[in-house]
Protein backbone atom coordinates (compact mmCIF):
# COMPACT_ATOMS: atom_id res chain seq x y z
CA UNK A 1 0.00 0.00 0.00
CA UNK A 2 1.23 3.53 -0.71
CA UNK A 3 2.21 6.10 1.86
CA UNK A 4 -0.54 8.12 3.56
CA UNK A 5 0.05 11.48 5.22
CA UNK A 6 -1.77 12.89 8.22
CA UNK A 7 -1.60 16.10 10.16
CA UNK A 8 -1.36 15.64 13.91
CA UNK A 9 -2.47 18.65 15.92
CA UNK A 10 -2.05 18.77 19.69
CA UNK A 11 -2.17 21.33 22.44
CA UNK A 12 0.63 21.66 24.97
CA UNK A 13 1.44 24.02 27.85
CA UNK A 14 3.95 26.48 26.40
CA UNK A 15 6.86 25.63 28.75
CA UNK A 16 6.67 21.95 27.67
CA UNK A 17 6.31 22.33 23.90
CA UNK A 18 10.00 22.16 22.94
CA UNK A 19 10.63 19.14 25.15
CA UNK A 20 7.63 17.25 23.76
CA UNK A 21 8.54 18.06 20.14
CA UNK A 22 12.22 17.19 20.59
CA UNK A 23 11.27 13.84 22.09
CA UNK A 24 8.80 13.01 19.30
CA UNK A 25 11.24 14.04 16.57
CA UNK A 26 14.02 11.93 18.11
CA UNK A 27 11.74 8.88 18.35
CA UNK A 28 10.21 9.25 14.85
CA UNK A 29 12.70 11.13 12.62
CA UNK A 30 11.29 9.74 9.35
CA UNK A 31 7.63 9.71 10.30
CA UNK A 32 7.04 13.05 12.06
CA UNK A 33 7.62 16.51 10.65
CA UNK A 34 9.40 15.40 7.49
CA UNK A 35 8.43 17.36 4.39
CA UNK A 36 10.59 16.72 1.34
CA UNK A 37 14.21 17.45 2.27
CA UNK A 38 13.24 19.16 5.54
CA UNK A 39 13.00 17.56 8.97
CA UNK A 40 11.43 18.56 12.27
CA UNK A 41 8.87 20.76 10.54
CA UNK A 42 6.10 22.03 12.81
CA UNK A 43 3.80 25.01 13.08
CA UNK A 44 3.29 26.39 16.57
CA UNK A 45 0.74 29.03 17.48
CA UNK A 46 0.07 30.37 20.97
CA UNK A 47 -3.29 30.68 22.66
CA UNK A 48 -5.18 30.17 25.88
CA UNK A 49 -6.66 26.81 26.78
CA UNK A 50 -9.29 26.28 29.43
CA UNK A 51 -10.47 23.25 31.35
CA UNK A 52 -12.38 22.33 34.48
CA UNK A 53 -10.91 19.28 36.25
CA UNK A 54 -13.66 17.04 37.61
CA UNK A 55 -13.59 14.58 40.49
CA UNK A 56 -11.27 11.66 39.81
CA UNK A 57 -8.91 13.74 37.67
CA UNK A 58 -5.28 14.39 38.52
CA UNK A 59 -4.54 17.72 36.78
CA UNK A 60 -0.93 18.69 36.08
CA UNK A 61 -2.08 22.31 36.35
CA UNK A 62 -4.87 23.70 38.53
CA UNK A 63 -7.22 22.06 41.01
CA UNK A 64 -10.24 19.81 40.84
CA UNK A 65 -13.40 21.92 40.64
CA UNK A 66 -11.66 25.14 39.57
CA UNK A 67 -11.81 26.46 35.99
CA UNK A 68 -8.24 26.86 34.78
CA UNK A 69 -6.78 28.99 31.98
CA UNK A 70 -3.34 28.02 30.64
CA UNK A 71 -1.07 29.51 27.99
CA UNK A 72 -0.76 26.69 25.48
CA UNK A 73 0.70 26.05 22.06
CA UNK A 74 -1.21 24.51 19.18
CA UNK A 75 1.34 22.27 17.49
CA UNK A 76 0.80 20.96 13.96
CA UNK A 77 3.02 18.42 12.24
CA UNK A 78 2.85 15.98 9.37
CA UNK A 79 2.85 12.24 10.02
CA UNK A 80 4.09 10.02 7.19
CA UNK A 81 2.47 6.60 7.46
CA UNK A 82 4.47 4.51 4.98
CA UNK A 83 2.36 1.38 5.26
CA UNK A 84 -0.96 3.16 5.13
CA UNK A 85 -2.10 1.00 8.05
CA UNK A 86 -2.00 3.77 10.70
CA UNK A 87 0.85 2.05 12.58
CA UNK A 88 3.19 5.06 12.52
CA UNK A 89 0.31 7.38 13.40
CA UNK A 90 -0.78 5.20 16.33
CA UNK A 91 2.79 4.87 17.58
CA UNK A 92 3.28 8.64 17.44
CA UNK A 93 0.05 9.28 19.36
CA UNK A 94 0.94 6.65 21.97
CA UNK A 95 4.35 8.30 22.45
CA UNK A 96 2.74 11.76 22.62
CA UNK A 97 0.52 10.53 25.45
CA UNK A 98 3.56 9.17 27.33
CA UNK A 99 5.69 12.32 27.09
CA UNK A 100 2.97 15.01 27.33
CA UNK A 101 2.56 16.59 30.79
CA UNK A 102 -1.26 16.48 30.78
CA UNK A 103 -3.24 13.53 32.07
CA UNK A 104 -5.55 13.80 29.03
CA UNK A 105 -3.93 14.99 25.80
CA UNK A 106 -6.10 17.04 23.45
CA UNK A 107 -5.24 16.16 19.86
CA UNK A 108 -6.78 15.97 16.38
CA UNK A 109 -5.80 13.93 13.32
CA UNK A 110 -6.52 14.96 9.74
CA UNK A 111 -5.88 12.84 6.65
CA UNK A 112 -4.02 14.82 4.00
CA UNK A 113 -4.58 14.44 0.26
CA UNK A 114 -1.88 14.73 -2.40
CA UNK A 115 -2.62 17.07 -5.29
C-alpha atoms as a PDB file:
ATOM      1  CA  UNK A   1       0.000   0.000   0.000  1.00  0.00           C
ATOM      2  CA  UNK A   2       1.233   3.533  -0.712  1.00  0.00           C
ATOM      3  CA  UNK A   3       2.209   6.100   1.862  1.00  0.00           C
ATOM      4  CA  UNK A   4      -0.536   8.118   3.556  1.00  0.00           C
ATOM      5  CA  UNK A   5       0.054  11.476   5.221  1.00  0.00           C
ATOM      6  CA  UNK A   6      -1.768  12.889   8.218  1.00  0.00           C
ATOM      7  CA  UNK A   7      -1.597  16.097  10.160  1.00  0.00           C
ATOM      8  CA  UNK A   8      -1.360  15.635  13.914  1.00  0.00           C
ATOM      9  CA  UNK A   9      -2.467  18.653  15.924  1.00  0.00           C
ATOM     10  CA  UNK A  10      -2.050  18.765  19.693  1.00  0.00           C
ATOM     11  CA  UNK A  11      -2.174  21.330  22.444  1.00  0.00           C
ATOM     12  CA  UNK A  12       0.631  21.661  24.967  1.00  0.00           C
ATOM     13  CA  UNK A  13       1.441  24.019  27.847  1.00  0.00           C
ATOM     14  CA  UNK A  14       3.948  26.476  26.401  1.00  0.00           C
ATOM     15  CA  UNK A  15       6.855  25.627  28.750  1.00  0.00           C
ATOM     16  CA  UNK A  16       6.671  21.949  27.671  1.00  0.00           C
ATOM     17  CA  UNK A  17       6.308  22.333  23.898  1.00  0.00           C
ATOM     18  CA  UNK A  18      10.002  22.162  22.939  1.00  0.00           C
ATOM     19  CA  UNK A  19      10.631  19.136  25.152  1.00  0.00           C
ATOM     20  CA  UNK A  20       7.630  17.248  23.756  1.00  0.00           C
ATOM     21  CA  UNK A  21       8.540  18.058  20.136  1.00  0.00           C
ATOM     22  CA  UNK A  22      12.224  17.190  20.593  1.00  0.00           C
ATOM     23  CA  UNK A  23      11.266  13.838  22.093  1.00  0.00           C
ATOM     24  CA  UNK A  24       8.804  13.014  19.304  1.00  0.00           C
ATOM     25  CA  UNK A  25      11.245  14.040  16.566  1.00  0.00           C
ATOM     26  CA  UNK A  26      14.025  11.935  18.113  1.00  0.00           C
ATOM     27  CA  UNK A  27      11.736   8.878  18.346  1.00  0.00           C
ATOM     28  CA  UNK A  28      10.214   9.248  14.852  1.00  0.00           C
ATOM     29  CA  UNK A  29      12.700  11.126  12.621  1.00  0.00           C
ATOM     30  CA  UNK A  30      11.292   9.745   9.351  1.00  0.00           C
ATOM     31  CA  UNK A  31       7.625   9.713  10.298  1.00  0.00           C
ATOM     32  CA  UNK A  32       7.035  13.055  12.056  1.00  0.00           C
ATOM     33  CA  UNK A  33       7.621  16.514  10.652  1.00  0.00           C
ATOM     34  CA  UNK A  34       9.403  15.397   7.485  1.00  0.00           C
ATOM     35  CA  UNK A  35       8.426  17.362   4.392  1.00  0.00           C
ATOM     36  CA  UNK A  36      10.592  16.719   1.337  1.00  0.00           C
ATOM     37  CA  UNK A  37      14.212  17.450   2.271  1.00  0.00           C
ATOM     38  CA  UNK A  38      13.235  19.157   5.537  1.00  0.00           C
ATOM     39  CA  UNK A  39      13.005  17.561   8.974  1.00  0.00           C
ATOM     40  CA  UNK A  40      11.434  18.557  12.272  1.00  0.00           C
ATOM     41  CA  UNK A  41       8.868  20.765  10.542  1.00  0.00           C
ATOM     42  CA  UNK A  42       6.099  22.028  12.810  1.00  0.00           C
ATOM     43  CA  UNK A  43       3.800  25.008  13.082  1.00  0.00           C
ATOM     44  CA  UNK A  44       3.291  26.389  16.570  1.00  0.00           C
ATOM     45  CA  UNK A  45       0.738  29.027  17.482  1.00  0.00           C
ATOM     46  CA  UNK A  46       0.071  30.367  20.966  1.00  0.00           C
ATOM     47  CA  UNK A  47      -3.295  30.680  22.660  1.00  0.00           C
ATOM     48  CA  UNK A  48      -5.175  30.165  25.879  1.00  0.00           C
ATOM     49  CA  UNK A  49      -6.658  26.811  26.776  1.00  0.00           C
ATOM     50  CA  UNK A  50      -9.287  26.283  29.431  1.00  0.00           C
ATOM     51  CA  UNK A  51     -10.466  23.247  31.352  1.00  0.00           C
ATOM     52  CA  UNK A  52     -12.376  22.327  34.479  1.00  0.00           C
ATOM     53  CA  UNK A  53     -10.909  19.276  36.253  1.00  0.00           C
ATOM     54  CA  UNK A  54     -13.663  17.040  37.612  1.00  0.00           C
ATOM     55  CA  UNK A  55     -13.589  14.583  40.490  1.00  0.00           C
ATOM     56  CA  UNK A  56     -11.271  11.663  39.811  1.00  0.00           C
ATOM     57  CA  UNK A  57      -8.909  13.737  37.669  1.00  0.00           C
ATOM     58  CA  UNK A  58      -5.282  14.395  38.524  1.00  0.00           C
ATOM     59  CA  UNK A  59      -4.545  17.715  36.780  1.00  0.00           C
ATOM     60  CA  UNK A  60      -0.930  18.690  36.075  1.00  0.00           C
ATOM     61  CA  UNK A  61      -2.084  22.310  36.346  1.00  0.00           C
ATOM     62  CA  UNK A  62      -4.871  23.699  38.528  1.00  0.00           C
ATOM     63  CA  UNK A  63      -7.217  22.062  41.013  1.00  0.00           C
ATOM     64  CA  UNK A  64     -10.243  19.815  40.836  1.00  0.00           C
ATOM     65  CA  UNK A  65     -13.405  21.922  40.645  1.00  0.00           C
ATOM     66  CA  UNK A  66     -11.664  25.139  39.568  1.00  0.00           C
ATOM     67  CA  UNK A  67     -11.814  26.460  35.992  1.00  0.00           C
ATOM     68  CA  UNK A  68      -8.240  26.858  34.782  1.00  0.00           C
ATOM     69  CA  UNK A  69      -6.776  28.986  31.981  1.00  0.00           C
ATOM     70  CA  UNK A  70      -3.342  28.015  30.639  1.00  0.00           C
ATOM     71  CA  UNK A  71      -1.067  29.505  27.989  1.00  0.00           C
ATOM     72  CA  UNK A  72      -0.761  26.689  25.476  1.00  0.00           C
ATOM     73  CA  UNK A  73       0.698  26.054  22.056  1.00  0.00           C
ATOM     74  CA  UNK A  74      -1.211  24.515  19.182  1.00  0.00           C
ATOM     75  CA  UNK A  75       1.338  22.275  17.491  1.00  0.00           C
ATOM     76  CA  UNK A  76       0.795  20.964  13.960  1.00  0.00           C
ATOM     77  CA  UNK A  77       3.021  18.419  12.237  1.00  0.00           C
ATOM     78  CA  UNK A  78       2.854  15.984   9.367  1.00  0.00           C
ATOM     79  CA  UNK A  79       2.850  12.235  10.023  1.00  0.00           C
ATOM     80  CA  UNK A  80       4.087  10.019   7.194  1.00  0.00           C
ATOM     81  CA  UNK A  81       2.468   6.597   7.464  1.00  0.00           C
ATOM     82  CA  UNK A  82       4.466   4.514   4.983  1.00  0.00           C
ATOM     83  CA  UNK A  83       2.363   1.384   5.257  1.00  0.00           C
ATOM     84  CA  UNK A  84      -0.961   3.162   5.133  1.00  0.00           C
ATOM     85  CA  UNK A  85      -2.102   1.002   8.053  1.00  0.00           C
ATOM     86  CA  UNK A  86      -2.004   3.766  10.695  1.00  0.00           C
ATOM     87  CA  UNK A  87       0.852   2.046  12.584  1.00  0.00           C
ATOM     88  CA  UNK A  88       3.187   5.060  12.515  1.00  0.00           C
ATOM     89  CA  UNK A  89       0.310   7.381  13.402  1.00  0.00           C
ATOM     90  CA  UNK A  90      -0.778   5.199  16.327  1.00  0.00           C
ATOM     91  CA  UNK A  91       2.785   4.871  17.584  1.00  0.00           C
ATOM     92  CA  UNK A  92       3.284   8.639  17.436  1.00  0.00           C
ATOM     93  CA  UNK A  93       0.048   9.282  19.359  1.00  0.00           C
ATOM     94  CA  UNK A  94       0.942   6.652  21.971  1.00  0.00           C
ATOM     95  CA  UNK A  95       4.347   8.300  22.453  1.00  0.00           C
ATOM     96  CA  UNK A  96       2.743  11.761  22.617  1.00  0.00           C
ATOM     97  CA  UNK A  97       0.524  10.527  25.445  1.00  0.00           C
ATOM     98  CA  UNK A  98       3.562   9.174  27.332  1.00  0.00           C
ATOM     99  CA  UNK A  99       5.686  12.322  27.091  1.00  0.00           C
ATOM    100  CA  UNK A 100       2.971  15.006  27.326  1.00  0.00           C
ATOM    101  CA  UNK A 101       2.556  16.590  30.786  1.00  0.00           C
ATOM    102  CA  UNK A 102      -1.264  16.484  30.779  1.00  0.00           C
ATOM    103  CA  UNK A 103      -3.245  13.526  32.070  1.00  0.00           C
ATOM    104  CA  UNK A 104      -5.552  13.799  29.027  1.00  0.00           C
ATOM    105  CA  UNK A 105      -3.927  14.991  25.801  1.00  0.00           C
ATOM    106  CA  UNK A 106      -6.102  17.040  23.455  1.00  0.00           C
ATOM    107  CA  UNK A 107      -5.244  16.161  19.855  1.00  0.00           C
ATOM    108  CA  UNK A 108      -6.777  15.971  16.377  1.00  0.00           C
ATOM    109  CA  UNK A 109      -5.797  13.925  13.320  1.00  0.00           C
ATOM    110  CA  UNK A 110      -6.516  14.965   9.735  1.00  0.00           C
ATOM    111  CA  UNK A 111      -5.878  12.842   6.650  1.00  0.00           C
ATOM    112  CA  UNK A 112      -4.015  14.823   3.995  1.00  0.00           C
ATOM    113  CA  UNK A 113      -4.580  14.438   0.260  1.00  0.00           C
ATOM    114  CA  UNK A 114      -1.884  14.734  -2.402  1.00  0.00           C
ATOM    115  CA  UNK A 115      -2.618  17.073  -5.292  1.00  0.00           C
END
